[in-house]
PDB file of N, CA and C in Angstrom:
ATOM      1  N   MET A   1      64.159  22.298 -10.171  1.00  0.00           N
ATOM      2  CA  MET A   1      63.328  21.157 -10.416  1.00  0.00           C
ATOM      3  C   MET A   1      62.295  21.543 -11.471  1.00  0.00           C
ATOM      4  N   ASN A   2      62.227  20.786 -12.496  1.00  0.00           N
ATOM      5  CA  ASN A   2      61.343  21.069 -13.613  1.00  0.00           C
ATOM      6  C   ASN A   2      60.214  20.045 -13.613  1.00  0.00           C
ATOM      7  N   ASP A   3      59.155  20.373 -12.911  1.00  0.00           N
ATOM      8  CA  ASP A   3      58.011  19.458 -12.804  1.00  0.00           C
ATOM      9  C   ASP A   3      57.035  19.771 -13.930  1.00  0.00           C
ATOM     10  N   SER A   4      56.864  18.844 -14.838  1.00  0.00           N
ATOM     11  CA  SER A   4      55.984  19.082 -15.979  1.00  0.00           C
ATOM     12  C   SER A   4      54.583  18.520 -15.751  1.00  0.00           C
ATOM     13  N   GLY A   5      54.262  18.085 -14.542  1.00  0.00           N
ATOM     14  CA  GLY A   5      52.928  17.552 -14.238  1.00  0.00           C
ATOM     15  C   GLY A   5      51.903  18.664 -14.158  1.00  0.00           C
ATOM     16  N   PRO A   6      50.660  18.281 -14.006  1.00  0.00           N
ATOM     17  CA  PRO A   6      49.591  19.278 -13.939  1.00  0.00           C
ATOM     18  C   PRO A   6      49.747  20.156 -12.703  1.00  0.00           C
ATOM     19  N   THR A   7      49.350  21.386 -12.859  1.00  0.00           N
ATOM     20  CA  THR A   7      49.432  22.320 -11.731  1.00  0.00           C
ATOM     21  C   THR A   7      48.305  22.022 -10.752  1.00  0.00           C
ATOM     22  N   ARG A   8      48.450  22.564  -9.584  1.00  0.00           N
ATOM     23  CA  ARG A   8      47.412  22.401  -8.554  1.00  0.00           C
ATOM     24  C   ARG A   8      46.084  22.956  -9.043  1.00  0.00           C
ATOM     25  N   LEU A   9      46.103  24.063  -9.740  1.00  0.00           N
ATOM     26  CA  LEU A   9      44.879  24.663 -10.274  1.00  0.00           C
ATOM     27  C   LEU A   9      44.211  23.734 -11.294  1.00  0.00           C
ATOM     28  N   VAL A  10      44.974  23.128 -12.154  1.00  0.00           N
ATOM     29  CA  VAL A  10      44.425  22.195 -13.144  1.00  0.00           C
ATOM     30  C   VAL A  10      43.766  21.004 -12.432  1.00  0.00           C
ATOM     31  N   LEU A  11      44.415  20.486 -11.415  1.00  0.00           N
ATOM     32  CA  LEU A  11      43.850  19.364 -10.654  1.00  0.00           C
ATOM     33  C   LEU A  11      42.556  19.768  -9.939  1.00  0.00           C
ATOM     34  N   LEU A  12      42.535  20.962  -9.372  1.00  0.00           N
ATOM     35  CA  LEU A  12      41.318  21.420  -8.700  1.00  0.00           C
ATOM     36  C   LEU A  12      40.173  21.619  -9.683  1.00  0.00           C
ATOM     37  N   ARG A  13      40.464  22.114 -10.876  1.00  0.00           N
ATOM     38  CA  ARG A  13      39.416  22.268 -11.900  1.00  0.00           C
ATOM     39  C   ARG A  13      38.881  20.903 -12.335  1.00  0.00           C
ATOM     40  N   PHE A  14      39.783  19.937 -12.438  1.00  0.00           N
ATOM     41  CA  PHE A  14      39.352  18.573 -12.758  1.00  0.00           C
ATOM     42  C   PHE A  14      38.426  18.032 -11.662  1.00  0.00           C
ATOM     43  N   LEU A  15      38.843  18.204 -10.421  1.00  0.00           N
ATOM     44  CA  LEU A  15      38.020  17.769  -9.286  1.00  0.00           C
ATOM     45  C   LEU A  15      36.656  18.443  -9.318  1.00  0.00           C
ATOM     46  N   GLU A  16      36.634  19.715  -9.629  1.00  0.00           N
ATOM     47  CA  GLU A  16      35.365  20.455  -9.708  1.00  0.00           C
ATOM     48  C   GLU A  16      34.450  19.846 -10.767  1.00  0.00           C
ATOM     49  N   ARG A  17      34.980  19.512 -11.939  1.00  0.00           N
ATOM     50  CA  ARG A  17      34.167  18.907 -12.995  1.00  0.00           C
ATOM     51  C   ARG A  17      33.603  17.557 -12.553  1.00  0.00           C
ATOM     52  N   VAL A  18      34.429  16.763 -11.905  1.00  0.00           N
ATOM     53  CA  VAL A  18      33.976  15.460 -11.407  1.00  0.00           C
ATOM     54  C   VAL A  18      32.851  15.653 -10.392  1.00  0.00           C
ATOM     55  N   GLN A  19      33.024  16.585  -9.474  1.00  0.00           N
ATOM     56  CA  GLN A  19      32.012  16.803  -8.440  1.00  0.00           C
ATOM     57  C   GLN A  19      30.719  17.361  -9.040  1.00  0.00           C
ATOM     58  N   LEU A  20      30.824  18.246 -10.011  1.00  0.00           N
ATOM     59  CA  LEU A  20      29.616  18.768 -10.666  1.00  0.00           C
ATOM     60  C   LEU A  20      28.867  17.655 -11.392  1.00  0.00           C
ATOM     61  N   ARG A  21      29.610  16.781 -12.051  1.00  0.00           N
ATOM     62  CA  ARG A  21      28.978  15.640 -12.721  1.00  0.00           C
ATOM     63  C   ARG A  21      28.258  14.755 -11.697  1.00  0.00           C
ATOM     64  N   ASP A  22      28.926  14.488 -10.568  1.00  0.00           N
ATOM     65  CA  ASP A  22      28.307  13.680  -9.516  1.00  0.00           C
ATOM     66  C   ASP A  22      27.085  14.378  -8.932  1.00  0.00           C
ATOM     67  N   LEU A  23      27.171  15.687  -8.758  1.00  0.00           N
ATOM     68  CA  LEU A  23      26.042  16.444  -8.226  1.00  0.00           C
ATOM     69  C   LEU A  23      24.851  16.384  -9.181  1.00  0.00           C
ATOM     70  N   GLU A  24      25.087  16.526 -10.465  1.00  0.00           N
ATOM     71  CA  GLU A  24      23.999  16.437 -11.442  1.00  0.00           C
ATOM     72  C   GLU A  24      23.370  15.055 -11.445  1.00  0.00           C
ATOM     73  N   ARG A  25      24.196  14.025 -11.351  1.00  0.00           N
ATOM     74  CA  ARG A  25      23.665  12.653 -11.291  1.00  0.00           C
ATOM     75  C   ARG A  25      22.817  12.478 -10.031  1.00  0.00           C
ATOM     76  N   THR A  26      23.284  12.970  -8.909  1.00  0.00           N
ATOM     77  CA  THR A  26      22.520  12.886  -7.664  1.00  0.00           C
ATOM     78  C   THR A  26      21.193  13.639  -7.795  1.00  0.00           C
ATOM     79  N   ARG A  27      21.225  14.800  -8.424  1.00  0.00           N
ATOM     80  CA  ARG A  27      19.986  15.566  -8.625  1.00  0.00           C
ATOM     81  C   ARG A  27      19.012  14.818  -9.529  1.00  0.00           C
ATOM     82  N   ARG A  28      19.512  14.104 -10.531  1.00  0.00           N
ATOM     83  CA  ARG A  28      18.630  13.296 -11.386  1.00  0.00           C
ATOM     84  C   ARG A  28      18.010  12.166 -10.574  1.00  0.00           C
ATOM     85  N   TRP A  29      18.794  11.532  -9.713  1.00  0.00           N
ATOM     86  CA  TRP A  29      18.264  10.470  -8.858  1.00  0.00           C
ATOM     87  C   TRP A  29      17.179  11.015  -7.932  1.00  0.00           C
ATOM     88  N   ILE A  30      17.436  12.180  -7.361  1.00  0.00           N
ATOM     89  CA  ILE A  30      16.447  12.798  -6.466  1.00  0.00           C
ATOM     90  C   ILE A  30      15.166  13.108  -7.231  1.00  0.00           C
ATOM     91  N   ALA A  31      15.287  13.679  -8.424  1.00  0.00           N
ATOM     92  CA  ALA A  31      14.107  14.001  -9.232  1.00  0.00           C
ATOM     93  C   ALA A  31      13.337  12.738  -9.577  1.00  0.00           C
ATOM     94  N   SER A  32      14.049  11.670  -9.897  1.00  0.00           N
ATOM     95  CA  SER A  32      13.395  10.401 -10.208  1.00  0.00           C
ATOM     96  C   SER A  32      12.639   9.863  -8.994  1.00  0.00           C
ATOM     97  N   GLU A  33      13.249   9.922  -7.828  1.00  0.00           N
ATOM     98  CA  GLU A  33      12.595   9.463  -6.599  1.00  0.00           C
ATOM     99  C   GLU A  33      11.380  10.328  -6.263  1.00  0.00           C
ATOM    100  N   GLU A  34      11.482  11.629  -6.501  1.00  0.00           N
ATOM    101  CA  GLU A  34      10.341  12.518  -6.251  1.00  0.00           C
ATOM    102  C   GLU A  34       9.183  12.187  -7.182  1.00  0.00           C
ATOM    103  N   ARG A  35       9.479  11.887  -8.454  1.00  0.00           N
ATOM    104  CA  ARG A  35       8.414  11.489  -9.390  1.00  0.00           C
ATOM    105  C   ARG A  35       7.762  10.192  -8.932  1.00  0.00           C
ATOM    106  N   LEU A  36       8.566   9.228  -8.524  1.00  0.00           N
ATOM    107  CA  LEU A  36       8.040   7.951  -8.061  1.00  0.00           C
ATOM    108  C   LEU A  36       7.168   8.138  -6.821  1.00  0.00           C
ATOM    109  N   ALA A  37       7.627   8.948  -5.878  1.00  0.00           N
ATOM    110  CA  ALA A  37       6.844   9.210  -4.660  1.00  0.00           C
ATOM    111  C   ALA A  37       5.528   9.892  -4.997  1.00  0.00           C
ATOM    112  N   ALA A  38       5.544  10.815  -5.944  1.00  0.00           N
ATOM    113  CA  ALA A  38       4.308  11.499  -6.351  1.00  0.00           C
ATOM    114  C   ALA A  38       3.345  10.523  -7.005  1.00  0.00           C
ATOM    115  N   GLN A  39       3.859   9.614  -7.835  1.00  0.00           N
ATOM    116  CA  GLN A  39       3.003   8.607  -8.461  1.00  0.00           C
ATOM    117  C   GLN A  39       2.378   7.695  -7.415  1.00  0.00           C
ATOM    118  N   GLN A  40       3.172   7.268  -6.443  1.00  0.00           N
ATOM    119  CA  GLN A  40       2.651   6.409  -5.387  1.00  0.00           C
ATOM    120  C   GLN A  40       1.586   7.133  -4.573  1.00  0.00           C
ATOM    121  N   HIS A  41       1.819   8.407  -4.281  1.00  0.00           N
ATOM    122  CA  HIS A  41       0.854   9.196  -3.519  1.00  0.00           C
ATOM    123  C   HIS A  41      -0.460   9.324  -4.288  1.00  0.00           C
ATOM    124  N   ARG A  42      -0.370   9.595  -5.602  1.00  0.00           N
ATOM    125  CA  ARG A  42      -1.581   9.689  -6.423  1.00  0.00           C
ATOM    126  C   ARG A  42      -2.316   8.351  -6.456  1.00  0.00           C
ATOM    127  N   GLY A  43      -1.555   7.258  -6.507  1.00  0.00           N
ATOM    128  CA  GLY A  43      -2.172   5.935  -6.511  1.00  0.00           C
ATOM    129  C   GLY A  43      -2.908   5.644  -5.215  1.00  0.00           C
ATOM    130  N   ILE A  44      -2.328   6.035  -4.109  1.00  0.00           N
ATOM    131  CA  ILE A  44      -2.971   5.825  -2.809  1.00  0.00           C
ATOM    132  C   ILE A  44      -4.243   6.663  -2.710  1.00  0.00           C
ATOM    133  N   GLU A  45      -4.178   7.911  -3.168  1.00  0.00           N
ATOM    134  CA  GLU A  45      -5.356   8.780  -3.124  1.00  0.00           C
ATOM    135  C   GLU A  45      -6.467   8.286  -4.045  1.00  0.00           C
ATOM    136  N   ALA A  46      -6.092   7.653  -5.165  1.00  0.00           N
ATOM    137  CA  ALA A  46      -7.087   7.190  -6.138  1.00  0.00           C
ATOM    138  C   ALA A  46      -7.695   5.842  -5.743  1.00  0.00           C
ATOM    139  N   ARG A  47      -7.102   5.188  -4.769  1.00  0.00           N
ATOM    140  CA  ARG A  47      -7.601   3.877  -4.346  1.00  0.00           C
ATOM    141  C   ARG A  47      -9.008   4.033  -3.758  1.00  0.00           C
ATOM    142  N   PRO A  48      -9.936   3.174  -4.173  1.00  0.00           N
ATOM    143  CA  PRO A  48     -11.284   3.286  -3.622  1.00  0.00           C
ATOM    144  C   PRO A  48     -11.298   2.944  -2.129  1.00  0.00           C
ATOM    145  N   ALA A  49     -12.242   3.525  -1.435  1.00  0.00           N
ATOM    146  CA  ALA A  49     -12.383   3.238  -0.004  1.00  0.00           C
ATOM    147  C   ALA A  49     -12.822   1.788   0.172  1.00  0.00           C
ATOM    148  N   PRO A  50     -12.375   1.151   1.247  1.00  0.00           N
ATOM    149  CA  PRO A  50     -12.807  -0.231   1.467  1.00  0.00           C
ATOM    150  C   PRO A  50     -14.307  -0.268   1.753  1.00  0.00           C
ATOM    151  N   PRO A  51     -14.948  -1.390   1.446  1.00  0.00           N
ATOM    152  CA  PRO A  51     -16.366  -1.500   1.765  1.00  0.00           C
ATOM    153  C   PRO A  51     -16.554  -1.488   3.283  1.00  0.00           C
ATOM    154  N   ASP A  52     -17.769  -1.197   3.716  1.00  0.00           N
ATOM    155  CA  ASP A  52     -18.035  -1.191   5.157  1.00  0.00           C
ATOM    156  C   ASP A  52     -18.001  -2.600   5.749  1.00  0.00           C
ATOM    157  N   TRP A  53     -18.442  -3.576   4.954  1.00  0.00           N
ATOM    158  CA  TRP A  53     -18.528  -4.961   5.425  1.00  0.00           C
ATOM    159  C   TRP A  53     -18.051  -5.882   4.314  1.00  0.00           C
ATOM    160  N   ILE A  54     -17.541  -7.046   4.692  1.00  0.00           N
ATOM    161  CA  ILE A  54     -17.007  -7.992   3.723  1.00  0.00           C
ATOM    162  C   ILE A  54     -17.547  -9.382   4.030  1.00  0.00           C
ATOM    163  N   LEU A  55     -17.923 -10.079   2.968  1.00  0.00           N
ATOM    164  CA  LEU A  55     -18.340 -11.470   3.071  1.00  0.00           C
ATOM    165  C   LEU A  55     -17.243 -12.311   2.428  1.00  0.00           C
ATOM    166  N   GLU A  56     -16.636 -13.180   3.220  1.00  0.00           N
ATOM    167  CA  GLU A  56     -15.571 -14.051   2.718  1.00  0.00           C
ATOM    168  C   GLU A  56     -16.177 -15.366   2.268  1.00  0.00           C
ATOM    169  N   GLN A  57     -15.966 -15.673   1.003  1.00  0.00           N
ATOM    170  CA  GLN A  57     -16.486 -16.924   0.432  1.00  0.00           C
ATOM    171  C   GLN A  57     -15.558 -18.078   0.775  1.00  0.00           C
ATOM    172  N   GLY A  58     -16.044 -19.293   0.572  1.00  0.00           N
ATOM    173  CA  GLY A  58     -15.211 -20.476   0.761  1.00  0.00           C
ATOM    174  C   GLY A  58     -14.153 -20.554  -0.323  1.00  0.00           C
ATOM    175  N   LEU A  59     -13.472 -21.677  -0.394  1.00  0.00           N
ATOM    176  CA  LEU A  59     -12.341 -21.817  -1.303  1.00  0.00           C
ATOM    177  C   LEU A  59     -12.728 -21.813  -2.781  1.00  0.00           C
ATOM    178  N   ASN A  60     -13.946 -22.213  -3.101  1.00  0.00           N
ATOM    179  CA  ASN A  60     -14.346 -22.166  -4.503  1.00  0.00           C
ATOM    180  C   ASN A  60     -15.682 -21.452  -4.619  1.00  0.00           C
ATOM    181  N   GLY A  61     -16.126 -21.219  -5.824  1.00  0.00           N
ATOM    182  CA  GLY A  61     -17.354 -20.466  -6.045  1.00  0.00           C
ATOM    183  C   GLY A  61     -18.613 -21.165  -5.566  1.00  0.00           C
ATOM    184  N   HIS A  62     -18.507 -22.467  -5.294  1.00  0.00           N
ATOM    185  CA  HIS A  62     -19.685 -23.229  -4.864  1.00  0.00           C
ATOM    186  C   HIS A  62     -19.783 -23.361  -3.351  1.00  0.00           C
ATOM    187  N   SER A  63     -18.743 -22.972  -2.641  1.00  0.00           N
ATOM    188  CA  SER A  63     -18.742 -23.081  -1.182  1.00  0.00           C
ATOM    189  C   SER A  63     -19.568 -21.955  -0.578  1.00  0.00           C
ATOM    190  N   PRO A  64     -20.218 -22.234   0.528  1.00  0.00           N
ATOM    191  CA  PRO A  64     -20.959 -21.161   1.209  1.00  0.00           C
ATOM    192  C   PRO A  64     -20.001 -20.167   1.855  1.00  0.00           C
ATOM    193  N   PRO A  65     -20.486 -18.973   2.198  1.00  0.00           N
ATOM    194  CA  PRO A  65     -19.642 -17.987   2.873  1.00  0.00           C
ATOM    195  C   PRO A  65     -19.131 -18.541   4.200  1.00  0.00           C
ATOM    196  N   VAL A  66     -17.928 -18.129   4.566  1.00  0.00           N
ATOM    197  CA  VAL A  66     -17.342 -18.638   5.807  1.00  0.00           C
ATOM    198  C   VAL A  66     -17.204 -17.584   6.891  1.00  0.00           C
ATOM    199  N   TYR A  67     -17.007 -16.318   6.519  1.00  0.00           N
ATOM    200  CA  TYR A  67     -16.851 -15.267   7.519  1.00  0.00           C
ATOM    201  C   TYR A  67     -17.468 -13.960   7.045  1.00  0.00           C
ATOM    202  N   VAL A  68     -17.902 -13.178   8.035  1.00  0.00           N
ATOM    203  CA  VAL A  68     -18.256 -11.777   7.811  1.00  0.00           C
ATOM    204  C   VAL A  68     -17.162 -10.968   8.498  1.00  0.00           C
ATOM    205  N   HIS A  69     -16.689  -9.917   7.812  1.00  0.00           N
ATOM    206  CA  HIS A  69     -15.625  -9.067   8.340  1.00  0.00           C
ATOM    207  C   HIS A  69     -16.067  -7.608   8.303  1.00  0.00           C
ATOM    208  N   VAL A  70     -15.456  -6.793   9.168  1.00  0.00           N
ATOM    209  CA  VAL A  70     -15.532  -5.350   9.028  1.00  0.00           C
ATOM    210  C   VAL A  70     -14.688  -5.012   7.792  1.00  0.00           C
ATOM    211  N   GLY A  71     -15.057  -3.981   7.061  1.00  0.00           N
ATOM    212  CA  GLY A  71     -14.462  -3.695   5.764  1.00  0.00           C
ATOM    213  C   GLY A  71     -12.952  -3.588   5.708  1.00  0.00           C
ATOM    214  N   ASP A  72     -12.309  -3.104   6.757  1.00  0.00           N
ATOM    215  CA  ASP A  72     -10.854  -2.940   6.701  1.00  0.00           C
ATOM    216  C   ASP A  72     -10.104  -4.029   7.474  1.00  0.00           C
ATOM    217  N   CYS A  73     -10.753  -5.165   7.678  1.00  0.00           N
ATOM    218  CA  CYS A  73     -10.131  -6.256   8.440  1.00  0.00           C
ATOM    219  C   CYS A  73      -8.866  -6.751   7.740  1.00  0.00           C
ATOM    220  N   TRP A  74      -7.813  -6.914   8.500  1.00  0.00           N
ATOM    221  CA  TRP A  74      -6.539  -7.399   7.957  1.00  0.00           C
ATOM    222  C   TRP A  74      -6.582  -8.887   7.672  1.00  0.00           C
ATOM    223  N   ASN A  75      -7.565  -9.591   8.214  1.00  0.00           N
ATOM    224  CA  ASN A  75      -7.600 -11.046   8.128  1.00  0.00           C
ATOM    225  C   ASN A  75      -8.567 -11.572   7.071  1.00  0.00           C
ATOM    226  N   LYS A  76      -9.098 -10.705   6.236  1.00  0.00           N
ATOM    227  CA  LYS A  76     -10.047 -11.181   5.225  1.00  0.00           C
ATOM    228  C   LYS A  76      -9.320 -12.034   4.190  1.00  0.00           C
ATOM    229  N   GLY A  77     -10.014 -13.021   3.668  1.00  0.00           N
ATOM    230  CA  GLY A  77      -9.426 -13.888   2.650  1.00  0.00           C
ATOM    231  C   GLY A  77      -9.448 -13.230   1.283  1.00  0.00           C
ATOM    232  N   LYS A  78      -8.752 -13.858   0.353  1.00  0.00           N
ATOM    233  CA  LYS A  78      -8.670 -13.306  -0.999  1.00  0.00           C
ATOM    234  C   LYS A  78      -9.993 -13.429  -1.740  1.00  0.00           C
ATOM    235  N   ASN A  79     -10.789 -14.408  -1.381  1.00  0.00           N
ATOM    236  CA  ASN A  79     -12.062 -14.626  -2.058  1.00  0.00           C
ATOM    237  C   ASN A  79     -13.171 -13.929  -1.264  1.00  0.00           C
ATOM    238  N   SER A  80     -13.136 -12.610  -1.256  1.00  0.00           N
ATOM    239  CA  SER A  80     -14.068 -11.811  -0.468  1.00  0.00           C
ATOM    240  C   SER A  80     -14.732 -10.764  -1.343  1.00  0.00           C
ATOM    241  N   LYS A  81     -15.913 -10.327  -0.915  1.00  0.00           N
ATOM    242  CA  LYS A  81     -16.589  -9.253  -1.645  1.00  0.00           C
ATOM    243  C   LYS A  81     -17.230  -8.300  -0.654  1.00  0.00           C
ATOM    244  N   GLY A  82     -17.336  -7.053  -1.073  1.00  0.00           N
ATOM    245  CA  GLY A  82     -17.958  -6.041  -0.233  1.00  0.00           C
ATOM    246  C   GLY A  82     -19.464  -6.219  -0.193  1.00  0.00           C
ATOM    247  N   ILE A  83     -20.033  -5.999   0.977  1.00  0.00           N
ATOM    248  CA  ILE A  83     -21.486  -6.075   1.153  1.00  0.00           C
ATOM    249  C   ILE A  83     -21.930  -4.878   1.990  1.00  0.00           C
ATOM    250  N   ASP A  84     -23.253  -4.636   1.979  1.00  0.00           N
ATOM    251  CA  ASP A  84     -23.757  -3.528   2.787  1.00  0.00           C
ATOM    252  C   ASP A  84     -24.127  -4.029   4.184  1.00  0.00           C
ATOM    253  N   GLN A  85     -24.523  -3.114   5.027  1.00  0.00           N
ATOM    254  CA  GLN A  85     -24.803  -3.449   6.426  1.00  0.00           C
ATOM    255  C   GLN A  85     -25.939  -4.466   6.555  1.00  0.00           C
ATOM    256  N   GLU A  86     -26.977  -4.303   5.789  1.00  0.00           N
ATOM    257  CA  GLU A  86     -28.108  -5.240   5.870  1.00  0.00           C
ATOM    258  C   GLU A  86     -27.678  -6.650   5.464  1.00  0.00           C
ATOM    259  N   GLN A  87     -26.871  -6.758   4.421  1.00  0.00           N
ATOM    260  CA  GLN A  87     -26.378  -8.073   3.999  1.00  0.00           C
ATOM    261  C   GLN A  87     -25.476  -8.686   5.074  1.00  0.00           C
ATOM    262  N   ALA A  88     -24.688  -7.873   5.733  1.00  0.00           N
ATOM    263  CA  ALA A  88     -23.820  -8.364   6.812  1.00  0.00           C
ATOM    264  C   ALA A  88     -24.673  -8.875   7.970  1.00  0.00           C
ATOM    265  N   ARG A  89     -25.683  -8.118   8.348  1.00  0.00           N
ATOM    266  CA  ARG A  89     -26.588  -8.551   9.425  1.00  0.00           C
ATOM    267  C   ARG A  89     -27.284  -9.865   9.060  1.00  0.00           C
ATOM    268  N   ARG A  90     -27.746  -9.930   7.821  1.00  0.00           N
ATOM    269  CA  ARG A  90     -28.454 -11.129   7.370  1.00  0.00           C
ATOM    270  C   ARG A  90     -27.525 -12.339   7.401  1.00  0.00           C
ATOM    271  N   ALA A  91     -26.299 -12.181   6.896  1.00  0.00           N
ATOM    272  CA  ALA A  91     -25.351 -13.293   6.870  1.00  0.00           C
ATOM    273  C   ALA A  91     -25.060 -13.780   8.289  1.00  0.00           C
ATOM    274  N   LEU A  92     -24.847 -12.856   9.208  1.00  0.00           N
ATOM    275  CA  LEU A  92     -24.586 -13.250  10.596  1.00  0.00           C
ATOM    276  C   LEU A  92     -25.793 -13.948  11.207  1.00  0.00           C
ATOM    277  N   SER A  93     -26.981 -13.444  10.934  1.00  0.00           N
ATOM    278  CA  SER A  93     -28.184 -14.071  11.503  1.00  0.00           C
ATOM    279  C   SER A  93     -28.454 -15.440  10.886  1.00  0.00           C
ATOM    280  N   GLU A  94     -27.937 -15.664   9.677  1.00  0.00           N
ATOM    281  CA  GLU A  94     -28.116 -16.968   9.021  1.00  0.00           C
ATOM    282  C   GLU A  94     -27.006 -17.946   9.367  1.00  0.00           C
ATOM    283  N   GLY A  95     -26.099 -17.556  10.253  1.00  0.00           N
ATOM    284  CA  GLY A  95     -25.096 -18.487  10.756  1.00  0.00           C
ATOM    285  C   GLY A  95     -23.697 -18.348  10.196  1.00  0.00           C
ATOM    286  N   VAL A  96     -23.458 -17.366   9.329  1.00  0.00           N
ATOM    287  CA  VAL A  96     -22.081 -17.158   8.859  1.00  0.00           C
ATOM    288  C   VAL A  96     -21.273 -16.644  10.053  1.00  0.00           C
ATOM    289  N   THR A  97     -20.104 -17.179  10.232  1.00  0.00           N
ATOM    290  CA  THR A  97     -19.264 -16.862  11.383  1.00  0.00           C
ATOM    291  C   THR A  97     -18.732 -15.433  11.314  1.00  0.00           C
ATOM    292  N   ALA A  98     -18.769 -14.753  12.451  1.00  0.00           N
ATOM    293  CA  ALA A  98     -18.157 -13.423  12.560  1.00  0.00           C
ATOM    294  C   ALA A  98     -16.656 -13.596  12.739  1.00  0.00           C
ATOM    295  N   CYS A  99     -15.874 -12.816  12.034  1.00  0.00           N
ATOM    296  CA  CYS A  99     -14.416 -12.863  12.172  1.00  0.00           C
ATOM    297  C   CYS A  99     -14.044 -12.583  13.628  1.00  0.00           C
ATOM    298  N   SER A 100     -13.191 -13.423  14.183  1.00  0.00           N
ATOM    299  CA  SER A 100     -12.804 -13.261  15.584  1.00  0.00           C
ATOM    300  C   SER A 100     -11.780 -12.139  15.781  1.00  0.00           C
ATOM    301  N   HIS A 101     -11.264 -11.586  14.688  1.00  0.00           N
ATOM    302  CA  HIS A 101     -10.274 -10.513  14.794  1.00  0.00           C
ATOM    303  C   HIS A 101     -10.925  -9.135  14.740  1.00  0.00           C
ATOM    304  N   CYS A 102     -11.845  -8.940  13.801  1.00  0.00           N
ATOM    305  CA  CYS A 102     -12.434  -7.601  13.631  1.00  0.00           C
ATOM    306  C   CYS A 102     -13.813  -7.486  14.279  1.00  0.00           C
ATOM    307  N   ARG A 103     -14.407  -8.580  14.657  1.00  0.00           N
ATOM    308  CA  ARG A 103     -15.685  -8.654  15.386  1.00  0.00           C
ATOM    309  C   ARG A 103     -16.798  -7.808  14.751  1.00  0.00           C
ATOM    310  N   PRO A 104     -17.248  -8.181  13.553  1.00  0.00           N
ATOM    311  CA  PRO A 104     -18.339  -7.432  12.935  1.00  0.00           C
ATOM    312  C   PRO A 104     -19.636  -7.531  13.729  1.00  0.00           C
ATOM    313  N   ASP A 105     -19.830  -8.627  14.454  1.00  0.00           N
ATOM    314  CA  ASP A 105     -21.032  -8.771  15.264  1.00  0.00           C
ATOM    315  C   ASP A 105     -21.067  -7.717  16.375  1.00  0.00           C
ATOM    316  N   THR A 106     -19.924  -7.388  16.932  1.00  0.00           N
ATOM    317  CA  THR A 106     -19.854  -6.315  17.932  1.00  0.00           C
ATOM    318  C   THR A 106     -20.119  -4.960  17.283  1.00  0.00           C
ATOM    319  N   ALA A 107     -19.481  -4.744  16.128  1.00  0.00           N
ATOM    320  CA  ALA A 107     -19.674  -3.452  15.433  1.00  0.00           C
ATOM    321  C   ALA A 107     -21.134  -3.267  15.024  1.00  0.00           C
ATOM    322  N   LEU A 108     -21.813  -4.368  14.703  1.00  0.00           N
ATOM    323  CA  LEU A 108     -23.227  -4.291  14.297  1.00  0.00           C
ATOM    324  C   LEU A 108     -24.168  -4.426  15.500  1.00  0.00           C
ATOM    325  N   ARG A 109     -23.605  -4.568  16.696  1.00  0.00           N
ATOM    326  CA  ARG A 109     -24.386  -4.733  17.935  1.00  0.00           C
ATOM    327  C   ARG A 109     -25.332  -5.925  17.847  1.00  0.00           C
ATOM    328  N   MET A 110     -24.786  -7.045  17.375  1.00  0.00           N
ATOM    329  CA  MET A 110     -25.566  -8.270  17.221  1.00  0.00           C
ATOM    330  C   MET A 110     -25.065  -9.365  18.156  1.00  0.00           C
ATOM    331  N   LEU A 111     -24.609  -9.025  19.311  1.00  0.00           N
ATOM    332  CA  LEU A 111     -24.100 -10.021  20.242  1.00  0.00           C
ATOM    333  C   LEU A 111     -25.233 -10.862  20.789  1.00  0.00           C
ATOM    334  N   ASP A 112     -24.905 -12.140  21.031  1.00  0.00           N
ATOM    335  CA  ASP A 112     -25.926 -13.056  21.607  1.00  0.00           C
ATOM    336  C   ASP A 112     -26.137 -12.779  23.073  1.00  0.00           C
TER     337      ASP A 112
END
C-alpha cells in the first residue's frame, strides 16, 4: 500500500503549531484582561471618598431641599451635594426630611 498522505509526525507537528497559536492568543486575552482589571482597580482607588452627609435638592435648582442622607446612602437622588455635619444638623432642624433608609437623624443623634 503506497499511502502518499502526510505522516503521523507531520500531522502532530501541524497540531502543535495550531495549539501554540491558540495558546498565544489566549495569553494575549489574559494580558488584556489583566490590564483592564488593573485600570479598574486604579480607578476605584482614585475615586474620592463620599461626603459624610448629603443634601438632596428638589427636581430643579429652584426647589428647596427634600432629604438629608448619610454620605454613602444608596437612595440619594441624582441632584445631591455633599455637606458637612453642621449643615446636615441645620437642614434637619429646619425641617428637611431625614432619609428613611439611612436615617441621618439617628446617626446625628437628633431624634425627637
